[in-house]
Protein backbone atom coordinates (compact mmCIF):
# COMPACT_ATOMS: atom_id res chain seq x y z
CA MET A 1 31.05 -1.65 -1.65
CA PRO A 2 29.26 -2.93 -4.77
CA SER A 3 30.96 -2.17 -8.06
CA GLN A 4 29.56 0.72 -10.07
CA ARG A 5 27.11 -0.50 -12.71
CA HIS A 6 26.69 1.06 -16.10
CA SER A 7 23.55 3.24 -15.97
CA VAL A 8 22.05 1.76 -19.15
CA ARG A 9 21.95 -1.71 -17.61
CA VAL A 10 20.44 -0.75 -14.27
CA GLY A 11 16.70 -1.08 -14.08
CA ASP A 12 14.43 0.78 -11.70
CA ASP A 13 13.96 -2.38 -9.64
CA VAL A 14 17.66 -2.41 -8.74
CA LEU A 15 17.37 1.20 -7.55
CA LEU A 16 14.14 0.54 -5.69
CA ASP A 17 15.59 -2.59 -4.08
CA ALA A 18 18.50 -0.50 -2.83
CA ALA A 19 16.10 2.15 -1.52
CA HIS A 20 14.09 -0.57 0.20
CA LYS A 21 17.18 -1.82 1.99
CA CYS A 22 18.14 1.71 3.09
CA VAL A 23 14.65 2.57 4.34
CA LEU A 24 14.45 -0.63 6.36
CA LEU A 25 17.85 0.11 7.86
CA VAL A 26 17.52 3.81 8.76
CA GLY A 27 14.00 4.98 7.86
CA VAL A 28 12.78 7.32 5.16
CA ARG A 29 14.03 10.59 6.64
CA ARG A 30 17.57 9.32 7.11
CA THR A 31 17.81 7.67 3.68
CA THR A 32 19.81 9.71 1.19
CA LEU A 33 20.19 9.39 -2.56
CA THR A 34 23.92 8.96 -2.00
CA ASP A 35 23.28 5.95 0.26
CA VAL A 36 20.87 4.43 -2.24
CA ALA A 37 23.30 4.94 -5.14
CA ARG A 38 26.05 3.31 -3.10
CA GLU A 39 23.80 0.38 -2.17
CA ALA A 40 22.74 -0.04 -5.82
CA GLY A 41 26.32 0.20 -7.06
CA VAL A 42 25.58 3.12 -9.38
CA SER A 43 26.72 6.71 -9.58
CA ARG A 44 24.64 9.39 -7.91
CA MET A 45 23.98 10.91 -11.34
CA THR A 46 22.44 7.65 -12.53
CA LEU A 47 20.07 7.75 -9.61
CA TYR A 48 19.38 11.50 -9.93
CA ARG A 49 18.43 11.04 -13.59
CA ARG A 50 15.65 8.66 -12.59
CA PHE A 51 14.67 10.08 -9.22
CA PRO A 52 15.42 13.77 -8.60
CA ASP A 53 14.97 13.48 -4.82
CA VAL A 54 14.38 11.00 -2.02
CA ARG A 55 10.67 11.84 -1.96
CA SER A 56 10.12 10.71 -5.56
CA LEU A 57 12.26 7.61 -4.97
CA VAL A 58 10.33 6.61 -1.85
CA ALA A 59 7.00 7.31 -3.57
CA ALA A 60 7.99 4.95 -6.39
CA LEU A 61 9.17 2.38 -3.85
CA MET A 62 5.93 2.52 -1.88
CA THR A 63 3.85 2.30 -5.04
CA ARG A 64 5.79 -0.77 -6.16
CA GLU A 65 5.78 -2.49 -2.78
CA PHE A 66 2.26 -1.73 -1.66
CA GLY A 67 0.74 -1.91 -5.13
CA ALA A 68 1.96 -5.50 -5.39
CA LEU A 69 0.04 -6.34 -2.20
CA LEU A 70 -3.21 -4.79 -3.38
CA GLY A 71 -5.97 -6.25 -5.39
CA GLU A 72 -5.65 -9.92 -4.63
CA VAL A 73 -9.18 -11.22 -4.89
CA GLY A 74 -10.21 -13.23 -1.88
CA PRO A 75 -12.25 -16.40 -1.72
CA GLY A 76 -16.02 -16.30 -1.88
CA ARG A 77 -19.04 -17.27 -3.90
CA THR A 78 -20.29 -13.74 -4.57
CA GLY A 79 -18.68 -10.52 -5.66
CA ARG A 80 -19.28 -9.08 -2.19
CA GLU A 81 -17.65 -12.02 -0.41
CA ARG A 82 -14.62 -11.90 -2.73
CA LEU A 83 -14.32 -8.12 -2.30
CA VAL A 84 -14.54 -8.25 1.49
CA SER A 85 -12.13 -11.16 1.89
CA GLY A 86 -9.73 -9.53 -0.58
CA ALA A 87 -9.87 -6.16 1.18
CA VAL A 88 -9.33 -7.66 4.64
CA GLY A 89 -6.56 -9.90 3.30
CA THR A 90 -4.88 -6.85 1.78
CA VAL A 91 -5.00 -5.00 5.10
CA ARG A 92 -3.38 -8.02 6.77
CA ARG A 93 -0.66 -8.20 4.09
CA LEU A 94 0.05 -4.48 4.33
CA LEU A 95 0.37 -4.65 8.10
CA ALA A 96 2.75 -7.61 7.84
CA ASN A 97 4.91 -5.88 5.23
CA PRO A 98 8.33 -4.83 6.63
CA LEU A 99 8.39 -1.61 4.60
CA MET A 100 4.97 -0.55 5.90
CA ALA A 101 6.08 -1.36 9.44
CA ALA A 102 9.25 0.70 8.99
CA VAL A 103 7.31 3.69 7.68
CA LEU A 104 4.66 3.47 10.41
CA ASP A 105 7.27 2.99 13.15
CA ARG A 106 9.78 5.64 12.10
CA ASP A 107 8.18 8.05 9.65
CA ALA A 108 4.40 7.86 10.01
CA GLU A 109 4.02 11.62 9.56
CA LEU A 110 5.15 11.19 5.94
CA LEU A 111 1.83 9.46 5.27
CA LEU A 112 -0.20 12.41 6.52
CA PRO A 113 -0.44 14.17 3.13
CA TYR A 114 -2.07 11.01 1.73
CA VAL A 115 -4.68 11.18 4.47
CA VAL A 116 -5.51 14.88 4.55
CA GLU A 117 -4.35 16.43 1.26
CA ARG A 118 -4.40 14.07 -1.71
CA LEU A 119 -4.66 10.50 -2.89
CA GLY A 120 -1.42 8.82 -3.89
CA ALA A 121 -0.76 6.25 -6.58
CA THR A 122 -1.09 3.35 -4.15
CA GLN A 123 -4.46 4.62 -2.97
CA ARG A 124 -5.61 4.90 -6.58
CA ILE A 125 -4.55 1.28 -7.19
CA ALA A 126 -6.51 0.20 -4.10
CA GLU A 127 -9.53 2.21 -5.16
CA GLN A 128 -9.49 0.57 -8.60
CA PHE A 129 -9.40 -2.88 -6.97
CA LEU A 130 -12.40 -1.88 -4.84
CA ARG A 131 -14.23 -0.47 -7.87
CA VAL A 132 -13.77 -3.74 -9.80
CA GLY A 133 -15.00 -5.77 -6.82
CA LEU A 134 -17.99 -3.51 -6.33
CA ALA A 135 -18.89 -3.76 -10.01
CA ALA A 136 -18.80 -7.57 -9.76
CA GLY A 137 -21.05 -7.35 -6.71
CA HIS A 138 -23.45 -5.02 -8.50
CA GLU A 139 -23.57 -7.42 -11.42
CA ASP A 140 -24.35 -10.51 -9.33
CA GLY A 141 -26.67 -8.59 -6.98
CA SER A 142 -24.58 -9.23 -3.85
CA VAL A 143 -23.69 -5.53 -3.36
CA ARG A 144 -26.40 -2.97 -2.82
CA PRO A 145 -26.91 -0.54 -5.71
CA GLY A 146 -25.06 2.74 -5.51
CA ASP A 147 -22.69 5.08 -7.27
CA LEU A 148 -19.61 2.96 -7.98
CA ASP A 149 -17.15 5.85 -7.56
CA VAL A 150 -18.67 6.98 -4.27
CA GLN A 151 -18.81 3.45 -2.89
CA ALA A 152 -15.20 2.74 -3.91
CA ARG A 153 -13.90 5.96 -2.36
CA THR A 154 -15.85 5.36 0.86
CA LEU A 155 -14.53 1.81 1.16
CA LEU A 156 -11.01 3.07 0.50
CA LEU A 157 -11.33 5.52 3.39
CA MET A 158 -12.65 2.82 5.73
CA VAL A 159 -9.97 0.28 4.89
CA GLN A 160 -7.19 2.88 4.85
CA SER A 161 -8.02 3.85 8.42
CA PHE A 162 -7.38 0.25 9.47
CA VAL A 163 -4.01 0.17 7.73
CA LEU A 164 -2.88 3.37 9.40
CA SER A 165 -4.40 2.92 12.85
CA VAL A 166 -5.00 -0.71 13.73
CA ARG A 167 -1.55 -1.65 15.09
CA PRO A 168 -1.72 0.45 18.26
CA ALA A 169 -5.49 0.05 18.50
CA ILE A 170 -5.41 -3.74 18.81
CA ALA A 171 -2.51 -4.07 21.24
CA GLU A 172 -4.81 -5.38 23.96
CA LEU A 173 -7.31 -7.13 21.67
CA ASP A 174 -7.29 -10.34 19.67
CA PRO A 175 -6.19 -9.24 16.17
CA ASP A 176 -8.19 -12.01 14.49
CA ALA A 177 -11.35 -10.83 16.27
CA VAL A 178 -10.70 -7.26 15.05
CA PHE A 179 -10.24 -8.43 11.46
CA ASP A 180 -13.37 -10.57 11.74
CA GLU A 181 -15.24 -7.47 12.88
CA LEU A 182 -13.86 -5.51 9.91
CA SER A 183 -15.18 -8.25 7.63
CA GLU A 184 -18.60 -8.06 9.29
CA MET A 185 -18.68 -4.27 9.00
CA LEU A 186 -17.77 -4.35 5.30
CA GLU A 187 -20.27 -7.14 4.64
CA GLY A 188 -22.99 -5.19 6.41
CA ALA A 189 -22.18 -1.96 4.58
CA LEU A 190 -22.34 -3.63 1.18
CA ARG A 191 -25.19 -6.08 1.63
CA PRO A 192 -28.31 -5.21 -0.45
């Protein structure tokens, strides 16, 4: 068992790293704050002061993990090309991420509120990336004119559906062909 660390010296990343390890091992529903505190080598009170429950801890973990994968601009000459390649690349990175795989495999129903009730912090980060890419495409004329907020939200919904649904949907298909088709669909939707 790791030695107990003084709470002043323990940063959130240490706690989130411990949560990451626990979620990969047993899933979100079976992860407890006690397990995370033990893994981080801190007291439960240290953890409770920062994260009052597992839900808030996992939300912070997902925002950190998935937020880091979002918004990488892809290659391309135009704003549209960079936006499309960046969005498709982000979907690929999310699907390859072990934490995303663990959540989708063991606790997919925990994502349902972010699909039917509200947008989460990670979705807002993704939407901002899309908004910036759309604005660049509007500026260089490679993206058709439109309301930036509406276009960004619509693209978020399209891309999000791939993240949440594509793994079982492509079991009998060539994944590269599916991602190529996603690129074509996004290109076609944005082209002036």
